[in-house]
Amino acid sequence: MSTTKSQIFFYPSWVKFAGLALIVLAIGIFVFRIAQYGITDVVGLSAPVAFGLMMVFFSKEKIMDERCVFLKFKALAVSLPVTAVLVSAYNYSKNFNGYSIETDSWFSVSAFEALSVLLIIAIVHFYYFNARD
């Protein structure tokens, strides 16, 4: 059985459900930690959510053809600059008001948080492009 290059980079379709389960589990643990201990750890939430979103976005669709691969690439191409602007604006707004040279309190969004935002935007755009065509 030969594989084309467009099929090499995608997970099997069942991985989408594993990614959704990982996201639900991470959100459940996040809510439990808030309710039980009062700990709000968004960075701890963002890593499993980012991996779950990667599993969802890069898994195969029911009909996986060149059009679907193109729409996924187009969704990533749209979401990357949008995410860069959003994350940069958020970092700037946090640092512009609260930065102190004495405490060196510089704020930055983690890579997992930025990746989560990017993949959420990409997934929304992919299904929007897919429904529109």
Protein backbone atom coordinates (compact mmCIF):
# COMPACT_ATOMS: atom_id res chain seq x y z
CA MET A 1 0.00 0.00 0.00
CA SER A 2 1.50 3.30 -1.02
CA THR A 3 1.06 6.50 0.91
CA THR A 4 1.08 9.93 -0.57
CA LYS A 5 2.89 12.82 1.02
CA SER A 6 -0.38 14.45 2.07
CA GLN A 7 -1.26 11.39 4.17
CA ILE A 8 2.05 11.08 6.00
CA PHE A 9 1.53 14.02 8.34
CA PHE A 10 -1.92 13.17 9.68
CA TYR A 11 -2.87 10.99 12.62
CA PRO A 12 -5.57 8.32 12.21
CA SER A 13 -9.13 9.56 12.63
CA TRP A 14 -9.58 7.95 16.08
CA VAL A 15 -6.85 10.24 17.47
CA LYS A 16 -9.35 13.13 17.22
CA PHE A 17 -11.42 11.51 19.98
CA ALA A 18 -8.33 10.88 22.10
CA GLY A 19 -7.45 14.58 21.73
CA LEU A 20 -10.94 15.63 22.78
CA ALA A 21 -10.73 13.28 25.78
CA LEU A 22 -7.38 14.81 26.75
CA ILE A 23 -8.86 18.31 26.55
CA VAL A 24 -11.91 17.34 28.65
CA LEU A 25 -9.66 15.61 31.21
CA ALA A 26 -7.37 18.64 31.46
CA ILE A 27 -10.31 21.01 31.93
CA GLY A 28 -11.79 18.66 34.54
CA ILE A 29 -8.52 18.59 36.49
CA PHE A 30 -8.27 22.37 36.18
CA VAL A 31 -11.77 22.87 37.60
CA PHE A 32 -11.10 20.32 40.36
CA ARG A 33 -7.91 22.12 41.41
CA ILE A 34 -9.76 25.44 41.54
CA ALA A 35 -12.65 24.00 43.56
CA GLN A 36 -10.57 21.86 45.91
CA TYR A 37 -7.41 23.90 46.46
CA GLY A 38 -8.04 27.33 44.99
CA ILE A 39 -5.15 26.90 42.52
CA THR A 40 -5.57 28.65 39.18
CA ASP A 41 -2.78 27.24 37.01
CA VAL A 42 -3.49 28.24 33.42
CA VAL A 43 0.01 27.24 32.29
CA GLY A 44 -0.59 23.72 33.62
CA LEU A 45 -3.86 23.60 31.69
CA SER A 46 -2.40 24.91 28.43
CA ALA A 47 0.07 22.07 27.78
CA PRO A 48 -2.44 19.17 27.65
CA VAL A 49 -4.98 21.37 25.86
CA ALA A 50 -2.36 22.27 23.23
CA PHE A 51 -1.49 18.60 22.70
CA GLY A 52 -5.18 17.68 22.51
CA LEU A 53 -5.84 20.43 19.97
CA MET A 54 -2.86 19.24 17.90
CA MET A 55 -4.33 15.73 17.92
CA VAL A 56 -7.72 17.09 16.83
CA PHE A 57 -6.40 19.36 14.07
CA PHE A 58 -3.86 16.98 12.55
CA SER A 59 -6.04 13.87 12.57
CA LYS A 60 -7.65 12.62 9.39
CA GLU A 61 -11.13 13.68 8.38
CA LYS A 62 -13.83 11.33 7.04
CA ILE A 63 -12.98 12.39 3.50
CA MET A 64 -9.29 13.17 3.33
CA ASP A 65 -8.40 14.55 -0.10
CA GLU A 66 -6.24 17.32 -1.52
CA ARG A 67 -8.99 19.87 -0.85
CA CYS A 68 -9.06 18.99 2.84
CA VAL A 69 -5.26 19.21 3.09
CA PHE A 70 -5.36 22.58 1.34
CA LEU A 71 -8.08 23.87 3.70
CA LYS A 72 -6.07 22.77 6.74
CA PHE A 73 -3.01 24.54 5.39
CA LYS A 74 -5.08 27.63 4.61
CA ALA A 75 -6.51 27.60 8.14
CA LEU A 76 -2.99 27.44 9.60
CA ALA A 77 -1.83 30.20 7.27
CA VAL A 78 -4.67 32.45 8.46
CA SER A 79 -4.34 31.61 12.15
CA LEU A 80 -0.58 32.15 12.47
CA PRO A 81 -0.51 35.93 11.83
CA VAL A 82 -3.76 36.43 13.74
CA THR A 83 -2.32 34.62 16.76
CA ALA A 84 0.95 36.53 16.52
CA VAL A 85 -0.90 39.85 16.60
CA LEU A 86 -3.21 38.76 19.44
CA VAL A 87 -0.42 37.37 21.63
CA SER A 88 1.85 40.35 20.96
CA ALA A 89 -0.93 42.80 21.77
CA TYR A 90 -1.78 40.91 24.96
CA ASN A 91 1.87 40.78 26.05
CA TYR A 92 2.31 44.47 25.29
CA SER A 93 -0.83 45.46 27.20
CA LYS A 94 0.25 43.44 30.25
CA ASN A 95 3.83 44.77 30.21
CA PHE A 96 3.00 48.37 29.35
CA ASN A 97 1.00 48.92 32.53
CA GLY A 98 2.63 46.61 35.06
CA TYR A 99 6.34 46.44 34.27
CA SER A 100 8.70 47.49 37.02
CA ILE A 101 12.45 47.69 36.56
CA GLU A 102 12.96 47.13 40.29
CA THR A 103 11.17 43.78 40.36
CA ASP A 104 11.86 42.88 36.72
CA SER A 105 8.26 41.71 36.45
CA TRP A 106 8.13 40.96 32.75
CA PHE A 107 5.09 39.00 31.56
CA SER A 108 4.90 36.71 28.55
CA VAL A 109 2.32 34.26 27.28
CA SER A 110 3.68 30.70 27.34
CA ALA A 111 4.30 28.84 24.11
CA PHE A 112 1.58 26.31 24.96
CA GLU A 113 -0.96 29.09 25.48
CA ALA A 114 -0.01 30.67 22.14
CA LEU A 115 -0.16 27.25 20.43
CA SER A 116 -3.59 26.63 21.96
CA VAL A 117 -4.88 29.95 20.65
CA LEU A 118 -3.36 29.25 17.22
CA LEU A 119 -4.95 25.81 17.00
CA ILE A 120 -8.35 26.99 18.21
CA ILE A 121 -8.35 29.67 15.51
CA ALA A 122 -7.12 27.14 12.92
CA ILE A 123 -9.80 24.58 13.83
CA VAL A 124 -12.56 27.21 13.65
CA HIS A 125 -11.27 28.47 10.30
CA PHE A 126 -10.91 24.95 8.89
CA TYR A 127 -14.51 24.02 9.67
CA TYR A 128 -15.69 27.42 8.44
CA PHE A 129 -13.80 27.00 5.14
CA ASN A 130 -15.01 23.40 4.88
CA ALA A 131 -18.66 24.38 5.40
CA ARG A 132 -18.39 27.31 3.00
CA ASP A 133 -17.05 25.23 0.11
